[in-house]
PDB file of all heavy atoms in Angstrom:
ATOM      1  N   LEU A   1      44.774  70.315 -71.215  1.00  0.00           N
ATOM      2  CA  LEU A   1      44.531  71.561 -70.490  1.00  0.00           C
ATOM      3  C   LEU A   1      45.250  72.736 -71.139  1.00  0.00           C
ATOM      4  O   LEU A   1      45.566  73.729 -70.480  1.00  0.00           O
ATOM      5  CB  LEU A   1      44.973  71.424 -69.025  1.00  0.00           C
ATOM      6  CG  LEU A   1      44.316  70.295 -68.218  1.00  0.00           C
ATOM      7  CD1 LEU A   1      44.828  70.302 -66.783  1.00  0.00           C
ATOM      8  CD2 LEU A   1      42.796  70.399 -68.246  1.00  0.00           C
ATOM      9  N   GLY A   2      45.510  72.613 -72.416  1.00  0.00           N
ATOM     10  CA  GLY A   2      46.138  73.707 -73.147  1.00  0.00           C
ATOM     11  C   GLY A   2      47.602  73.900 -72.823  1.00  0.00           C
ATOM     12  O   GLY A   2      48.118  75.023 -72.935  1.00  0.00           O
ATOM     13  N   GLY A   3      48.270  72.829 -72.413  1.00  0.00           N
ATOM     14  CA  GLY A   3      49.703  72.923 -72.129  1.00  0.00           C
ATOM     15  C   GLY A   3      50.037  73.360 -70.716  1.00  0.00           C
ATOM     16  O   GLY A   3      51.189  73.686 -70.420  1.00  0.00           O
ATOM     17  N   ARG A   4      49.061  73.402 -69.829  1.00  0.00           N
ATOM     18  CA  ARG A   4      49.325  73.802 -68.434  1.00  0.00           C
ATOM     19  C   ARG A   4      50.114  72.725 -67.697  1.00  0.00           C
ATOM     20  O   ARG A   4      50.064  71.544 -68.024  1.00  0.00           O
ATOM     21  CB  ARG A   4      48.002  74.023 -67.682  1.00  0.00           C
ATOM     22  CG  ARG A   4      47.209  75.224 -68.108  1.00  0.00           C
ATOM     23  CD  ARG A   4      45.915  75.284 -67.312  1.00  0.00           C
ATOM     24  NE  ARG A   4      46.171  75.362 -65.868  1.00  0.00           N
ATOM     25  CZ  ARG A   4      45.355  74.881 -64.935  1.00  0.00           C
ATOM     26  NH1 ARG A   4      44.249  74.257 -65.287  1.00  0.00           N
ATOM     27  NH2 ARG A   4      45.665  75.013 -63.671  1.00  0.00           N
ATOM     28  N   GLU A   5      50.843  73.166 -66.667  1.00  0.00           N
ATOM     29  CA  GLU A   5      51.423  72.262 -65.679  1.00  0.00           C
ATOM     30  C   GLU A   5      50.634  72.440 -64.390  1.00  0.00           C
ATOM     31  O   GLU A   5      50.290  73.556 -64.013  1.00  0.00           O
ATOM     32  CB  GLU A   5      52.898  72.579 -65.437  1.00  0.00           C
ATOM     33  CG  GLU A   5      53.782  72.359 -66.657  1.00  0.00           C
ATOM     34  CD  GLU A   5      55.225  72.771 -66.389  1.00  0.00           C
ATOM     35  OE1 GLU A   5      55.463  73.494 -65.391  1.00  0.00           O
ATOM     36  OE2 GLU A   5      56.101  72.391 -67.178  1.00  0.00           O
ATOM     37  N   ILE A   6      50.368  71.340 -63.697  1.00  0.00           N
ATOM     38  CA  ILE A   6      49.553  71.372 -62.488  1.00  0.00           C
ATOM     39  C   ILE A   6      50.454  71.335 -61.257  1.00  0.00           C
ATOM     40  O   ILE A   6      51.383  70.523 -61.177  1.00  0.00           O
ATOM     41  CB  ILE A   6      48.582  70.178 -62.453  1.00  0.00           C
ATOM     42  CG1 ILE A   6      47.664  70.195 -63.676  1.00  0.00           C
ATOM     43  CG2 ILE A   6      47.761  70.170 -61.169  1.00  0.00           C
ATOM     44  CD1 ILE A   6      46.724  71.373 -63.729  1.00  0.00           C
ATOM     45  N   ASP A   7      50.189  72.229 -60.307  1.00  0.00           N
ATOM     46  CA  ASP A   7      50.897  72.193 -59.028  1.00  0.00           C
ATOM     47  C   ASP A   7      50.352  71.049 -58.180  1.00  0.00           C
ATOM     48  O   ASP A   7      49.134  70.901 -58.011  1.00  0.00           O
ATOM     49  CB  ASP A   7      50.702  73.510 -58.272  1.00  0.00           C
ATOM     50  CG  ASP A   7      51.438  74.665 -58.932  1.00  0.00           C
ATOM     51  OD1 ASP A   7      52.560  74.461 -59.429  1.00  0.00           O
ATOM     52  OD2 ASP A   7      50.878  75.781 -58.957  1.00  0.00           O
ATOM     53  N   LEU A   8      51.258  70.250 -57.643  1.00  0.00           N
ATOM     54  CA  LEU A   8      50.896  69.097 -56.826  1.00  0.00           C
ATOM     55  C   LEU A   8      51.663  69.181 -55.517  1.00  0.00           C
ATOM     56  O   LEU A   8      52.869  69.464 -55.515  1.00  0.00           O
ATOM     57  CB  LEU A   8      51.231  67.798 -57.560  1.00  0.00           C
ATOM     58  CG  LEU A   8      50.574  67.640 -58.940  1.00  0.00           C
ATOM     59  CD1 LEU A   8      51.261  66.562 -59.749  1.00  0.00           C
ATOM     60  CD2 LEU A   8      49.093  67.329 -58.797  1.00  0.00           C
ATOM     61  N   VAL A   9      50.978  68.947 -54.415  1.00  0.00           N
ATOM     62  CA  VAL A   9      51.584  69.096 -53.098  1.00  0.00           C
ATOM     63  C   VAL A   9      51.318  67.846 -52.266  1.00  0.00           C
ATOM     64  O   VAL A   9      50.201  67.315 -52.276  1.00  0.00           O
ATOM     65  CB  VAL A   9      51.015  70.322 -52.345  1.00  0.00           C
ATOM     66  CG1 VAL A   9      51.726  70.512 -51.008  1.00  0.00           C
ATOM     67  CG2 VAL A   9      51.155  71.580 -53.198  1.00  0.00           C
ATOM     68  N   GLN A  10      52.348  67.387 -51.575  1.00  0.00           N
ATOM     69  CA  GLN A  10      52.211  66.274 -50.634  1.00  0.00           C
ATOM     70  C   GLN A  10      52.844  66.667 -49.308  1.00  0.00           C
ATOM     71  O   GLN A  10      53.785  67.478 -49.261  1.00  0.00           O
ATOM     72  CB  GLN A  10      52.908  65.026 -51.177  1.00  0.00           C
ATOM     73  CG  GLN A  10      52.280  64.459 -52.438  1.00  0.00           C
ATOM     74  CD  GLN A  10      51.088  63.574 -52.161  1.00  0.00           C
ATOM     75  OE1 GLN A  10      51.201  62.380 -51.944  1.00  0.00           O
ATOM     76  NE2 GLN A  10      49.901  64.178 -52.167  1.00  0.00           N
ATOM     77  N   GLY A  11      52.343  66.087 -48.219  1.00  0.00           N
ATOM     78  CA  GLY A  11      52.939  66.332 -46.920  1.00  0.00           C
ATOM     79  C   GLY A  11      54.372  65.829 -46.874  1.00  0.00           C
ATOM     80  O   GLY A  11      54.679  64.757 -47.393  1.00  0.00           O
ATOM     81  N   ASN A  12      55.249  66.608 -46.276  1.00  0.00           N
ATOM     82  CA  ASN A  12      56.655  66.233 -46.094  1.00  0.00           C
ATOM     83  C   ASN A  12      56.980  66.352 -44.611  1.00  0.00           C
ATOM     84  O   ASN A  12      57.879  67.057 -44.195  1.00  0.00           O
ATOM     85  CB  ASN A  12      57.554  67.159 -46.927  1.00  0.00           C
ATOM     86  CG  ASN A  12      58.994  66.696 -46.965  1.00  0.00           C
ATOM     87  OD1 ASN A  12      59.265  65.515 -47.169  1.00  0.00           O
ATOM     88  ND2 ASN A  12      59.927  67.617 -46.755  1.00  0.00           N
ATOM     89  N   VAL A  13      56.186  65.618 -43.827  1.00  0.00           N
ATOM     90  CA  VAL A  13      56.184  65.827 -42.390  1.00  0.00           C
ATOM     91  C   VAL A  13      55.609  64.576 -41.735  1.00  0.00           C
ATOM     92  O   VAL A  13      54.833  63.839 -42.357  1.00  0.00           O
ATOM     93  CB  VAL A  13      55.335  67.078 -42.053  1.00  0.00           C
ATOM     94  CG1 VAL A  13      53.905  66.913 -42.504  1.00  0.00           C
ATOM     95  CG2 VAL A  13      55.377  67.417 -40.569  1.00  0.00           C
ATOM     96  N   LEU A  14      55.999  64.314 -40.514  1.00  0.00           N
ATOM     97  CA  LEU A  14      55.428  63.192 -39.787  1.00  0.00           C
ATOM     98  C   LEU A  14      53.913  63.395 -39.660  1.00  0.00           C
ATOM     99  O   LEU A  14      53.452  64.463 -39.264  1.00  0.00           O
ATOM    100  CB  LEU A  14      56.066  63.100 -38.395  1.00  0.00           C
ATOM    101  CG  LEU A  14      55.983  61.745 -37.692  1.00  0.00           C
ATOM    102  CD1 LEU A  14      56.722  60.669 -38.489  1.00  0.00           C
ATOM    103  CD2 LEU A  14      56.559  61.832 -36.283  1.00  0.00           C
ATOM    104  N   GLY A  15      53.166  62.384 -40.010  1.00  0.00           N
ATOM    105  CA  GLY A  15      51.712  62.515 -40.091  1.00  0.00           C
ATOM    106  C   GLY A  15      51.223  62.784 -41.497  1.00  0.00           C
ATOM    107  O   GLY A  15      50.031  62.678 -41.770  1.00  0.00           O
ATOM    108  N   GLY A  16      52.142  63.166 -42.401  1.00  0.00           N
ATOM    109  CA  GLY A  16      51.797  63.349 -43.806  1.00  0.00           C
ATOM    110  C   GLY A  16      50.649  64.309 -44.025  1.00  0.00           C
ATOM    111  O   GLY A  16      50.578  65.386 -43.419  1.00  0.00           O
ATOM    112  N   GLY A  17      49.716  63.918 -44.881  1.00  0.00           N
ATOM    113  CA  GLY A  17      48.590  64.781 -45.211  1.00  0.00           C
ATOM    114  C   GLY A  17      47.741  65.150 -44.020  1.00  0.00           C
ATOM    115  O   GLY A  17      47.168  66.244 -43.972  1.00  0.00           O
ATOM    116  N   SER A  18      47.661  64.279 -43.009  1.00  0.00           N
ATOM    117  CA  SER A  18      46.846  64.600 -41.837  1.00  0.00           C
ATOM    118  C   SER A  18      47.436  65.746 -41.027  1.00  0.00           C
ATOM    119  O   SER A  18      46.744  66.350 -40.201  1.00  0.00           O
ATOM    120  CB  SER A  18      46.688  63.365 -40.940  1.00  0.00           C
ATOM    121  OG  SER A  18      47.908  63.029 -40.291  1.00  0.00           O
ATOM    122  N   THR A  19      48.706  66.076 -41.262  1.00  0.00           N
ATOM    123  CA  THR A  19      49.371  67.171 -40.559  1.00  0.00           C
ATOM    124  C   THR A  19      49.271  68.483 -41.320  1.00  0.00           C
ATOM    125  O   THR A  19      49.438  69.561 -40.734  1.00  0.00           O
ATOM    126  CB  THR A  19      50.855  66.817 -40.317  1.00  0.00           C
ATOM    127  OG1 THR A  19      50.925  65.572 -39.596  1.00  0.00           O
ATOM    128  CG2 THR A  19      51.581  67.877 -39.512  1.00  0.00           C
ATOM    129  N   VAL A  20      48.985  68.416 -42.625  1.00  0.00           N
ATOM    130  CA  VAL A  20      48.976  69.647 -43.431  1.00  0.00           C
ATOM    131  C   VAL A  20      47.672  69.834 -44.210  1.00  0.00           C
ATOM    132  O   VAL A  20      47.589  70.703 -45.068  1.00  0.00           O
ATOM    133  CB  VAL A  20      50.172  69.679 -44.411  1.00  0.00           C
ATOM    134  CG1 VAL A  20      51.485  69.743 -43.667  1.00  0.00           C
ATOM    135  CG2 VAL A  20      50.151  68.471 -45.355  1.00  0.00           C
ATOM    136  N   ASN A  21      46.639  69.042 -43.901  1.00  0.00           N
ATOM    137  CA  ASN A  21      45.372  69.216 -44.628  1.00  0.00           C
ATOM    138  C   ASN A  21      44.475  70.216 -43.906  1.00  0.00           C
ATOM    139  O   ASN A  21      44.846  70.774 -42.869  1.00  0.00           O
ATOM    140  CB  ASN A  21      44.669  67.861 -44.818  1.00  0.00           C
ATOM    141  CG  ASN A  21      44.292  67.206 -43.489  1.00  0.00           C
ATOM    142  OD1 ASN A  21      44.447  67.777 -42.416  1.00  0.00           O
ATOM    143  ND2 ASN A  21      43.795  65.990 -43.560  1.00  0.00           N
ATOM    144  N   VAL A  22      43.277  70.438 -44.450  1.00  0.00           N
ATOM    145  CA  VAL A  22      42.339  71.359 -43.796  1.00  0.00           C
ATOM    146  C   VAL A  22      41.474  70.646 -42.772  1.00  0.00           C
ATOM    147  O   VAL A  22      40.581  71.230 -42.189  1.00  0.00           O
ATOM    148  CB  VAL A  22      41.452  72.095 -44.818  1.00  0.00           C
ATOM    149  CG1 VAL A  22      42.282  72.989 -45.705  1.00  0.00           C
ATOM    150  CG2 VAL A  22      40.616  71.117 -45.629  1.00  0.00           C
ATOM    151  N   GLN A  23      41.728  69.359 -42.558  1.00  0.00           N
ATOM    152  CA  GLN A  23      41.209  68.565 -41.447  1.00  0.00           C
ATOM    153  C   GLN A  23      39.757  68.126 -41.594  1.00  0.00           C
ATOM    154  O   GLN A  23      39.191  67.556 -40.662  1.00  0.00           O
ATOM    155  CB  GLN A  23      41.389  69.315 -40.114  1.00  0.00           C
ATOM    156  CG  GLN A  23      42.850  69.643 -39.805  1.00  0.00           C
ATOM    157  CD  GLN A  23      43.000  70.809 -38.867  1.00  0.00           C
ATOM    158  OE1 GLN A  23      43.108  71.955 -39.298  1.00  0.00           O
ATOM    159  NE2 GLN A  23      42.997  70.554 -37.571  1.00  0.00           N
ATOM    160  N   ALA A  24      39.123  68.377 -42.732  1.00  0.00           N
ATOM    161  CA  ALA A  24      37.751  67.905 -42.928  1.00  0.00           C
ATOM    162  C   ALA A  24      37.732  66.382 -42.890  1.00  0.00           C
ATOM    163  O   ALA A  24      38.535  65.721 -43.561  1.00  0.00           O
ATOM    164  CB  ALA A  24      37.197  68.413 -44.256  1.00  0.00           C
ATOM    165  N   TYR A  25      36.816  65.834 -42.115  1.00  0.00           N
ATOM    166  CA  TYR A  25      36.751  64.383 -41.913  1.00  0.00           C
ATOM    167  C   TYR A  25      35.588  63.814 -42.715  1.00  0.00           C
ATOM    168  O   TYR A  25      34.425  63.963 -42.352  1.00  0.00           O
ATOM    169  CB  TYR A  25      36.581  64.065 -40.429  1.00  0.00           C
ATOM    170  CG  TYR A  25      36.576  62.579 -40.128  1.00  0.00           C
ATOM    171  CD1 TYR A  25      37.760  61.857 -40.108  1.00  0.00           C
ATOM    172  CD2 TYR A  25      35.384  61.904 -39.892  1.00  0.00           C
ATOM    173  CE1 TYR A  25      37.757  60.494 -39.847  1.00  0.00           C
ATOM    174  CE2 TYR A  25      35.370  60.541 -39.628  1.00  0.00           C
ATOM    175  CZ  TYR A  25      36.563  59.844 -39.608  1.00  0.00           C
ATOM    176  OH  TYR A  25      36.567  58.491 -39.350  1.00  0.00           O
ATOM    177  N   ILE A  26      35.915  63.175 -43.834  1.00  0.00           N
ATOM    178  CA  ILE A  26      34.921  62.553 -44.705  1.00  0.00           C
ATOM    179  C   ILE A  26      35.389  61.132 -45.007  1.00  0.00           C
ATOM    180  O   ILE A  26      36.533  60.922 -45.411  1.00  0.00           O
ATOM    181  CB  ILE A  26      34.762  63.337 -46.017  1.00  0.00           C
ATOM    182  CG1 ILE A  26      34.293  64.776 -45.738  1.00  0.00           C
ATOM    183  CG2 ILE A  26      33.780  62.628 -46.949  1.00  0.00           C
ATOM    184  CD1 ILE A  26      32.891  64.887 -45.204  1.00  0.00           C
ATOM    185  N   ARG A  27      34.499  60.169 -44.825  1.00  0.00           N
ATOM    186  CA  ARG A  27      34.897  58.768 -45.005  1.00  0.00           C
ATOM    187  C   ARG A  27      34.578  58.221 -46.386  1.00  0.00           C
ATOM    188  O   ARG A  27      35.097  57.180 -46.774  1.00  0.00           O
ATOM    189  CB  ARG A  27      34.185  57.897 -43.962  1.00  0.00           C
ATOM    190  CG  ARG A  27      34.548  58.259 -42.541  1.00  0.00           C
ATOM    191  CD  ARG A  27      33.959  57.327 -41.522  1.00  0.00           C
ATOM    192  NE  ARG A  27      32.517  57.188 -41.624  1.00  0.00           N
ATOM    193  CZ  ARG A  27      31.729  56.898 -40.584  1.00  0.00           C
ATOM    194  NH1 ARG A  27      32.267  56.741 -39.381  1.00  0.00           N
ATOM    195  NH2 ARG A  27      30.438  56.768 -40.748  1.00  0.00           N
ATOM    196  N   GLY A  28      33.681  58.899 -47.130  1.00  0.00           N
ATOM    197  CA  GLY A  28      33.206  58.312 -48.374  1.00  0.00           C
ATOM    198  C   GLY A  28      31.927  57.528 -48.124  1.00  0.00           C
ATOM    199  O   GLY A  28      31.425  57.442 -47.002  1.00  0.00           O
ATOM    200  N   ARG A  29      31.405  56.941 -49.190  1.00  0.00           N
ATOM    201  CA  ARG A  29      30.119  56.243 -49.111  1.00  0.00           C
ATOM    202  C   ARG A  29      30.304  54.734 -49.024  1.00  0.00           C
ATOM    203  O   ARG A  29      31.337  54.191 -49.454  1.00  0.00           O
ATOM    204  CB  ARG A  29      29.272  56.567 -50.342  1.00  0.00           C
ATOM    205  CG  ARG A  29      28.885  58.013 -50.483  1.00  0.00           C
ATOM    206  CD  ARG A  29      27.816  58.189 -51.547  1.00  0.00           C
ATOM    207  NE  ARG A  29      28.274  57.836 -52.879  1.00  0.00           N
ATOM    208  CZ  ARG A  29      28.484  58.720 -53.856  1.00  0.00           C
ATOM    209  NH1 ARG A  29      28.318  60.012 -53.642  1.00  0.00           N
ATOM    210  NH2 ARG A  29      28.865  58.316 -55.054  1.00  0.00           N
ATOM    211  N   ALA A  30      29.279  54.060 -48.533  1.00  0.00           N
ATOM    212  CA  ALA A  30      29.317  52.603 -48.441  1.00  0.00           C
ATOM    213  C   ALA A  30      29.551  51.967 -49.802  1.00  0.00           C
ATOM    214  O   ALA A  30      30.302  50.991 -49.928  1.00  0.00           O
ATOM    215  CB  ALA A  30      28.009  52.095 -47.826  1.00  0.00           C
ATOM    216  N   ASP A  31      28.935  52.530 -50.855  1.00  0.00           N
ATOM    217  CA  ASP A  31      29.075  51.917 -52.173  1.00  0.00           C
ATOM    218  C   ASP A  31      30.494  52.028 -52.720  1.00  0.00           C
ATOM    219  O   ASP A  31      30.900  51.233 -53.564  1.00  0.00           O
ATOM    220  CB  ASP A  31      28.056  52.498 -53.159  1.00  0.00           C
ATOM    221  CG  ASP A  31      28.175  53.988 -53.340  1.00  0.00           C
ATOM    222  OD1 ASP A  31      27.856  54.723 -52.404  1.00  0.00           O
ATOM    223  OD2 ASP A  31      28.592  54.418 -54.444  1.00  0.00           O
ATOM    224  N   ASP A  32      31.282  53.020 -52.234  1.00  0.00           N
ATOM    225  CA  ASP A  32      32.690  53.102 -52.641  1.00  0.00           C
ATOM    226  C   ASP A  32      33.425  51.811 -52.276  1.00  0.00           C
ATOM    227  O   ASP A  32      34.146  51.232 -53.092  1.00  0.00           O
ATOM    228  CB  ASP A  32      33.399  54.267 -51.940  1.00  0.00           C
ATOM    229  CG  ASP A  32      32.875  55.624 -52.342  1.00  0.00           C
ATOM    230  OD1 ASP A  32      32.422  55.774 -53.490  1.00  0.00           O
ATOM    231  OD2 ASP A  32      32.931  56.534 -51.502  1.00  0.00           O
ATOM    232  N   TYR A  33      33.240  51.391 -51.040  1.00  0.00           N
ATOM    233  CA  TYR A  33      33.997  50.245 -50.525  1.00  0.00           C
ATOM    234  C   TYR A  33      33.360  48.923 -50.929  1.00  0.00           C
ATOM    235  O   TYR A  33      34.070  47.923 -51.100  1.00  0.00           O
ATOM    236  CB  TYR A  33      34.159  50.387 -49.012  1.00  0.00           C
ATOM    237  CG  TYR A  33      34.801  51.715 -48.682  1.00  0.00           C
ATOM    238  CD1 TYR A  33      34.074  52.722 -48.058  1.00  0.00           C
ATOM    239  CD2 TYR A  33      36.102  51.998 -49.085  1.00  0.00           C
ATOM    240  CE1 TYR A  33      34.653  53.962 -47.803  1.00  0.00           C
ATOM    241  CE2 TYR A  33      36.678  53.231 -48.839  1.00  0.00           C
ATOM    242  CZ  TYR A  33      35.947  54.208 -48.202  1.00  0.00           C
ATOM    243  OH  TYR A  33      36.516  55.442 -47.965  1.00  0.00           O
ATOM    244  N   ASN A  34      32.063  48.911 -51.131  1.00  0.00           N
ATOM    245  CA  ASN A  34      31.438  47.707 -51.682  1.00  0.00           C
ATOM    246  C   ASN A  34      31.949  47.441 -53.090  1.00  0.00           C
ATOM    247  O   ASN A  34      32.086  46.282 -53.502  1.00  0.00           O
ATOM    248  CB  ASN A  34      29.914  47.850 -51.670  1.00  0.00           C
ATOM    249  CG  ASN A  34      29.348  47.818 -50.258  1.00  0.00           C
ATOM    250  OD1 ASN A  34      29.964  47.252 -49.344  1.00  0.00           O
ATOM    251  ND2 ASN A  34      28.195  48.419 -50.067  1.00  0.00           N
ATOM    252  N   ALA A  35      32.266  48.519 -53.818  1.00  0.00           N
ATOM    253  CA  ALA A  35      32.861  48.350 -55.150  1.00  0.00           C
ATOM    254  C   ALA A  35      34.267  47.761 -55.036  1.00  0.00           C
ATOM    255  O   ALA A  35      34.668  46.930 -55.858  1.00  0.00           O
ATOM    256  CB  ALA A  35      32.891  49.687 -55.887  1.00  0.00           C
ATOM    257  N   TRP A  36      35.028  48.202 -54.024  1.00  0.00           N
ATOM    258  CA  TRP A  36      36.336  47.584 -53.785  1.00  0.00           C
ATOM    259  C   TRP A  36      36.158  46.083 -53.548  1.00  0.00           C
ATOM    260  O   TRP A  36      36.909  45.255 -54.068  1.00  0.00           O
ATOM    261  CB  TRP A  36      37.014  48.198 -52.553  1.00  0.00           C
ATOM    262  CG  TRP A  36      37.509  49.589 -52.695  1.00  0.00           C
ATOM    263  CD1 TRP A  36      37.199  50.503 -53.655  1.00  0.00           C
ATOM    264  CD2 TRP A  36      38.436  50.241 -51.820  1.00  0.00           C
ATOM    265  NE1 TRP A  36      37.864  51.686 -53.426  1.00  0.00           N
ATOM    266  CE2 TRP A  36      38.625  51.548 -52.308  1.00  0.00           C
ATOM    267  CE3 TRP A  36      39.103  49.855 -50.660  1.00  0.00           C
ATOM    268  CZ2 TRP A  36      39.464  52.466 -51.689  1.00  0.00           C
ATOM    269  CZ3 TRP A  36      39.941  50.765 -50.032  1.00  0.00           C
ATOM    270  CH2 TRP A  36      40.127  52.055 -50.538  1.00  0.00           C
ATOM    271  N   ASN A  37      35.173  45.761 -52.738  1.00  0.00           N
ATOM    272  CA  ASN A  37      34.936  44.367 -52.393  1.00  0.00           C
ATOM    273  C   ASN A  37      34.637  43.541 -53.637  1.00  0.00           C
ATOM    274  O   ASN A  37      35.131  42.417 -53.782  1.00  0.00           O
ATOM    275  CB  ASN A  37      33.763  44.282 -51.411  1.00  0.00           C
ATOM    276  CG  ASN A  37      33.903  43.149 -50.431  1.00  0.00           C
ATOM    277  OD1 ASN A  37      35.006  42.825 -50.006  1.00  0.00           O
ATOM    278  ND2 ASN A  37      32.793  42.534 -50.076  1.00  0.00           N
ATOM    279  N   ASP A  38      33.845  44.090 -54.539  1.00  0.00           N
ATOM    280  CA  ASP A  38      33.511  43.376 -55.769  1.00  0.00           C
ATOM    281  C   ASP A  38      34.764  43.091 -56.588  1.00  0.00           C
ATOM    282  O   ASP A  38      34.921  41.994 -57.137  1.00  0.00           O
ATOM    283  CB  ASP A  38      32.516  44.195 -56.600  1.00  0.00           C
ATOM    284  CG  ASP A  38      31.138  44.291 -55.950  1.00  0.00           C
ATOM    285  OD1 ASP A  38      30.840  43.468 -55.062  1.00  0.00           O
ATOM    286  OD2 ASP A  38      30.376  45.206 -56.323  1.00  0.00           O
ATOM    287  N   VAL A  39      35.652  44.082 -56.659  1.00  0.00           N
ATOM    288  CA  VAL A  39      36.891  43.917 -57.421  1.00  0.00           C
ATOM    289  C   VAL A  39      37.775  42.840 -56.788  1.00  0.00           C
ATOM    290  O   VAL A  39      38.379  42.015 -57.482  1.00  0.00           O
ATOM    291  CB  VAL A  39      37.666  45.254 -57.476  1.00  0.00           C
ATOM    292  CG1 VAL A  39      39.085  45.043 -57.967  1.00  0.00           C
ATOM    293  CG2 VAL A  39      36.936  46.244 -58.373  1.00  0.00           C
ATOM    294  N   LEU A  40      37.836  42.826 -55.470  1.00  0.00           N
ATOM    295  CA  LEU A  40      38.799  41.974 -54.772  1.00  0.00           C
ATOM    296  C   LEU A  40      38.298  40.561 -54.512  1.00  0.00           C
ATOM    297  O   LEU A  40      39.033  39.729 -53.964  1.00  0.00           O
ATOM    298  CB  LEU A  40      39.205  42.638 -53.457  1.00  0.00           C
ATOM    299  CG  LEU A  40      40.023  43.917 -53.666  1.00  0.00           C
ATOM    300  CD1 LEU A  40      40.125  44.719 -52.386  1.00  0.00           C
ATOM    301  CD2 LEU A  40      41.410  43.578 -54.185  1.00  0.00           C
ATOM    302  N   ARG A  41      37.065  40.271 -54.902  1.00  0.00           N
ATOM    303  CA  ARG A  41      36.582  38.893 -54.758  1.00  0.00           C
ATOM    304  C   ARG A  41      37.393  37.925 -55.612  1.00  0.00           C
ATOM    305  O   ARG A  41      37.428  36.729 -55.323  1.00  0.00           O
ATOM    306  CB  ARG A  41      35.099  38.806 -55.145  1.00  0.00           C
ATOM    307  CG  ARG A  41      34.159  39.362 -54.085  1.00  0.00           C
ATOM    308  CD  ARG A  41      32.748  38.838 -54.257  1.00  0.00           C
ATOM    309  NE  ARG A  41      31.879  39.368 -53.218  1.00  0.00           N
ATOM    310  CZ  ARG A  41      31.040  40.374 -53.369  1.00  0.00           C
ATOM    311  NH1 ARG A  41      30.971  40.982 -54.551  1.00  0.00           N
ATOM    312  NH2 ARG A  41      30.280  40.786 -52.382  1.00  0.00           N
ATOM    313  N   GLY A  42      38.044  38.440 -56.655  1.00  0.00           N
ATOM    314  CA  GLY A  42      38.824  37.577 -57.525  1.00  0.00           C
ATOM    315  C   GLY A  42      40.207  37.293 -56.991  1.00  0.00           C
ATOM    316  O   GLY A  42      41.171  37.215 -57.752  1.00  0.00           O
TER     317      GLY A  42
END
């Protein structure tokens, strides 16, 4: 990135990210977790 440093932020509060996020509720897709399942069959 041309020598840039990236700002990174984490919750430092009870509830963590759920206390300091913008609260959008997205679960992801079925295929995301089916891929987890494929990996963990071993």
